[in-house]
């Protein structure tokens, strides 16, 4: 769960996944090509990228000790999934998170993950380079949603691929101010998009649910 930086509420991981999934569902236009894989499988992989936390989790982001985080991440990686494309996309994300740390426990798990991924890719005949490029899209959707769920002003950028047959990438930037999320350049199919997440008052959660609507508005940077 995410603790708001400005008020005593929390946002579950399941709601964080909804915003990441919404970005993935809306992705693609003349400048940003969609991957040559079934679109809803790609969306599912991104929308389930942190899949071991459950619906109303009580695991505060940034406050979990390393051993517990590794256990959760391992559980998510090895969780069975019927869609091999969605599964590989989620697994690439989890591998990226684990391999970003150089402790022996992280490196041991990342090596185990790489072996499993390599075998799964070979068994299904998938393009490993394409999956790595899609992971950049996952990273962007995740980071936008991650920062929004903390309810603090933020900005960032991620290198993403706009043409999957090319080795060239493009810097995609985002900025979050209150309920407004701006993207530059614009990677989505629609001119703008409004939606909402559900948060809960921190006191009593998750045994006592006092919910509230958290709207968001995704739009391009004003010209």
Protein backbone atom coordinates (compact mmCIF):
# COMPACT_ATOMS: atom_id res chain seq x y z
CA UNK A 1 0.00 0.00 0.00
CA UNK A 2 1.04 3.61 -0.57
CA UNK A 3 0.87 6.15 2.24
CA UNK A 4 -0.13 9.62 1.09
CA UNK A 5 2.46 12.31 1.72
CA UNK A 6 -0.20 14.96 2.38
CA UNK A 7 -3.06 13.30 4.31
CA UNK A 8 -3.77 10.21 6.44
CA UNK A 9 -4.92 7.89 3.65
CA UNK A 10 -3.54 4.81 1.93
CA UNK A 11 -3.85 3.53 -1.63
CA UNK A 12 -3.59 -0.26 -2.09
CA UNK A 13 -1.26 -1.85 -4.61
CA UNK A 14 -4.33 -3.05 -6.52
CA UNK A 15 -5.31 0.58 -7.21
CA UNK A 16 -1.73 1.41 -8.24
CA UNK A 17 -1.96 -1.43 -10.77
CA UNK A 18 -5.21 0.00 -12.17
CA UNK A 19 -3.57 3.29 -13.14
CA UNK A 20 -0.56 1.53 -14.69
CA UNK A 21 -2.95 -0.71 -16.61
CA UNK A 22 -5.01 2.26 -17.82
CA UNK A 23 -1.89 3.86 -19.30
CA UNK A 24 -0.99 0.60 -21.02
CA UNK A 25 -4.52 0.15 -22.39
CA UNK A 26 -4.52 3.66 -23.90
CA UNK A 27 -0.95 3.43 -25.25
CA UNK A 28 -0.17 3.87 -28.94
CA UNK A 29 -0.49 6.50 -31.68
CA UNK A 30 1.27 7.62 -34.84
CA UNK A 31 4.46 8.38 -32.92
CA UNK A 32 4.33 5.50 -30.41
CA UNK A 33 3.97 2.10 -32.03
CA UNK A 34 2.25 -0.75 -30.19
CA UNK A 35 4.25 -3.97 -29.69
CA UNK A 36 3.54 -6.75 -32.18
CA UNK A 37 1.88 -8.92 -29.54
CA UNK A 38 -1.80 -9.26 -28.53
CA UNK A 39 -2.59 -5.88 -27.01
CA UNK A 40 -4.66 -7.12 -24.08
CA UNK A 41 -1.91 -9.56 -23.11
CA UNK A 42 0.53 -6.66 -22.98
CA UNK A 43 -1.94 -4.64 -20.92
CA UNK A 44 -2.46 -7.57 -18.55
CA UNK A 45 1.28 -7.97 -18.02
CA UNK A 46 1.67 -4.30 -17.13
CA UNK A 47 -1.54 -4.15 -15.08
CA UNK A 48 -0.38 -7.14 -12.99
CA UNK A 49 3.29 -6.19 -12.68
CA UNK A 50 3.21 -6.34 -8.85
CA UNK A 51 0.84 -9.26 -8.50
CA UNK A 52 1.67 -10.78 -5.10
CA UNK A 53 0.26 -8.08 -2.82
CA UNK A 54 -3.44 -8.90 -2.98
CA UNK A 55 -6.45 -6.60 -3.20
CA UNK A 56 -6.31 -4.71 0.12
CA UNK A 57 -2.67 -5.11 1.07
CA UNK A 58 -1.24 -3.78 4.31
CA UNK A 59 2.41 -3.73 3.22
CA UNK A 60 3.68 -0.12 3.28
CA UNK A 61 5.91 0.79 0.34
CA UNK A 62 9.36 1.88 1.49
CA UNK A 63 8.93 0.50 5.00
CA UNK A 64 9.22 -3.25 4.37
CA UNK A 65 12.46 -4.98 5.38
CA UNK A 66 14.52 -6.46 2.57
CA UNK A 67 13.89 -10.12 3.40
CA UNK A 68 10.12 -9.66 3.32
CA UNK A 69 10.28 -7.66 0.08
CA UNK A 70 12.34 -10.37 -1.58
CA UNK A 71 9.86 -13.00 -0.41
CA UNK A 72 6.94 -11.02 -1.86
CA UNK A 73 8.81 -10.46 -5.12
CA UNK A 74 9.72 -14.14 -5.41
CA UNK A 75 6.10 -15.08 -4.80
CA UNK A 76 4.97 -12.70 -7.54
CA UNK A 77 7.56 -13.97 -10.00
CA UNK A 78 6.68 -17.64 -9.55
CA UNK A 79 2.92 -17.10 -9.31
CA UNK A 80 1.21 -19.22 -12.01
CA UNK A 81 -0.25 -17.31 -14.95
CA UNK A 82 -2.24 -18.73 -17.87
CA UNK A 83 -1.14 -16.05 -20.36
CA UNK A 84 2.56 -16.54 -21.20
CA UNK A 85 2.93 -13.06 -22.71
CA UNK A 86 1.43 -11.30 -19.69
CA UNK A 87 3.48 -13.56 -17.44
CA UNK A 88 6.77 -12.71 -19.14
CA UNK A 89 6.04 -8.97 -19.06
CA UNK A 90 5.31 -9.08 -15.32
CA UNK A 91 8.36 -11.25 -14.71
CA UNK A 92 10.66 -8.87 -16.60
CA UNK A 93 9.48 -6.06 -14.36
CA UNK A 94 10.16 -8.03 -11.20
CA UNK A 95 13.59 -9.06 -12.47
CA UNK A 96 14.44 -5.40 -13.14
CA UNK A 97 13.48 -4.48 -9.58
CA UNK A 98 15.55 -7.26 -8.02
CA UNK A 99 18.60 -6.80 -10.22
CA UNK A 100 18.71 -3.11 -9.34
CA UNK A 101 20.35 -4.06 -6.01
CA UNK A 102 23.79 -5.63 -5.67
CA UNK A 103 23.38 -7.51 -2.39
CA UNK A 104 24.08 -11.27 -2.50
CA UNK A 105 20.43 -12.15 -1.83
CA UNK A 106 19.20 -9.89 -4.64
CA UNK A 107 21.79 -11.17 -7.09
CA UNK A 108 21.04 -14.81 -6.25
CA UNK A 109 17.33 -14.28 -6.90
CA UNK A 110 17.95 -12.29 -10.09
CA UNK A 111 20.14 -15.08 -11.47
CA UNK A 112 17.41 -17.61 -10.71
CA UNK A 113 14.87 -15.36 -12.41
CA UNK A 114 17.03 -14.96 -15.53
CA UNK A 115 17.34 -18.71 -15.96
CA UNK A 116 13.57 -19.17 -15.65
CA UNK A 117 12.88 -16.33 -18.11
CA UNK A 118 15.35 -17.66 -20.66
CA UNK A 119 13.78 -21.11 -20.53
CA UNK A 120 10.24 -19.71 -20.75
CA UNK A 121 11.12 -17.50 -23.73
CA UNK A 122 12.76 -20.38 -25.59
CA UNK A 123 9.88 -22.76 -24.89
CA UNK A 124 7.32 -20.27 -26.24
CA UNK A 125 9.42 -19.01 -29.15
CA UNK A 126 9.18 -15.35 -28.13
CA UNK A 127 11.51 -12.50 -29.09
CA UNK A 128 13.59 -11.71 -26.00
CA UNK A 129 14.63 -8.30 -27.36
CA UNK A 130 11.01 -7.29 -27.92
CA UNK A 131 10.14 -8.26 -24.35
CA UNK A 132 13.02 -6.19 -23.01
CA UNK A 133 11.77 -3.20 -25.01
CA UNK A 134 8.23 -3.66 -23.69
CA UNK A 135 9.69 -3.58 -20.18
CA UNK A 136 10.57 0.08 -20.77
CA UNK A 137 6.86 0.75 -21.31
CA UNK A 138 6.09 -1.18 -18.11
CA UNK A 139 8.66 0.90 -16.26
CA UNK A 140 7.07 4.14 -17.43
CA UNK A 141 3.50 3.12 -16.54
CA UNK A 142 4.66 1.86 -13.15
CA UNK A 143 6.63 4.98 -12.27
CA UNK A 144 3.82 7.38 -13.19
CA UNK A 145 1.35 5.42 -11.09
CA UNK A 146 3.85 4.92 -8.26
CA UNK A 147 4.46 8.65 -7.88
CA UNK A 148 0.77 9.52 -8.22
CA UNK A 149 -0.17 7.08 -5.46
CA UNK A 150 2.21 8.80 -3.05
CA UNK A 151 0.20 12.02 -3.54
CA UNK A 152 3.16 14.32 -3.94
CA UNK A 153 4.36 16.56 -6.72
CA UNK A 154 6.83 14.63 -8.86
CA UNK A 155 8.46 14.49 -12.25
CA UNK A 156 10.55 11.92 -14.01
CA UNK A 157 11.53 10.42 -17.32
CA UNK A 158 11.97 6.97 -18.85
CA UNK A 159 13.56 5.88 -22.12
CA UNK A 160 10.94 4.05 -24.19
CA UNK A 161 10.85 2.59 -27.67
CA UNK A 162 8.59 4.17 -30.25
CA UNK A 163 9.40 1.71 -33.08
CA UNK A 164 10.09 -1.83 -31.95
CA UNK A 165 12.11 -2.75 -35.04
CA UNK A 166 14.56 0.04 -34.18
CA UNK A 167 17.24 0.20 -31.51
CA UNK A 168 16.54 3.90 -30.96
CA UNK A 169 14.57 5.04 -27.94
CA UNK A 170 12.87 8.27 -26.96
CA UNK A 171 12.83 10.08 -23.63
CA UNK A 172 9.28 10.19 -22.27
CA UNK A 173 8.70 12.63 -19.43
CA UNK A 174 5.93 12.97 -16.89
CA UNK A 175 4.95 15.50 -14.25
CA UNK A 176 2.42 15.16 -11.43
CA UNK A 177 0.79 18.16 -9.78
CA UNK A 178 -2.17 17.31 -7.60
CA UNK A 179 -4.68 15.37 -9.68
CA UNK A 180 -3.08 16.35 -12.99
CA UNK A 181 -0.62 14.04 -14.78
CA UNK A 182 1.09 15.52 -17.85
CA UNK A 183 3.08 13.50 -20.39
CA UNK A 184 5.61 14.80 -22.92
CA UNK A 185 5.65 13.70 -25.70
CA UNK A 186 2.13 12.30 -25.80
CA UNK A 187 2.09 8.46 -26.14
CA UNK A 188 -1.64 7.72 -25.86
CA UNK A 189 -4.46 7.08 -28.35
CA UNK A 190 -6.81 9.65 -26.81
CA UNK A 191 -6.42 13.41 -26.49
CA UNK A 192 -6.66 13.22 -22.69
CA UNK A 193 -8.07 10.83 -20.12
CA UNK A 194 -9.77 11.19 -16.74
CA UNK A 195 -10.21 8.42 -14.20
CA UNK A 196 -10.02 7.68 -10.49
CA UNK A 197 -8.46 5.46 -7.87
CA UNK A 198 -9.93 4.41 -4.54
CA UNK A 199 -8.06 5.26 -1.35
CA UNK A 200 -8.91 4.59 2.28
CA UNK A 201 -8.54 6.41 5.55
CA UNK A 202 -5.41 5.02 7.18
CA UNK A 203 -6.95 4.55 10.62
CA UNK A 204 -8.56 1.14 10.84
CA UNK A 205 -7.46 -0.01 7.38
CA UNK A 206 -7.87 -2.72 6.17
CA UNK A 207 -10.24 -4.11 8.82
CA UNK A 208 -12.39 -0.96 8.63
CA UNK A 209 -12.80 0.54 5.15
CA UNK A 210 -13.51 4.26 4.92
CA UNK A 211 -13.06 4.82 1.19
CA UNK A 212 -12.70 7.94 -0.91
CA UNK A 213 -12.36 8.69 -4.61
CA UNK A 214 -9.04 10.05 -5.88
CA UNK A 215 -9.52 11.52 -9.38
CA UNK A 216 -6.76 11.94 -11.91
CA UNK A 217 -6.53 13.74 -15.23
CA UNK A 218 -3.91 12.66 -17.77
CA UNK A 219 -3.15 15.20 -20.48
CA UNK A 220 -0.33 16.35 -22.75
CA UNK A 221 1.90 19.24 -21.80
CA UNK A 222 0.31 22.51 -22.91
CA UNK A 223 1.81 23.78 -26.16
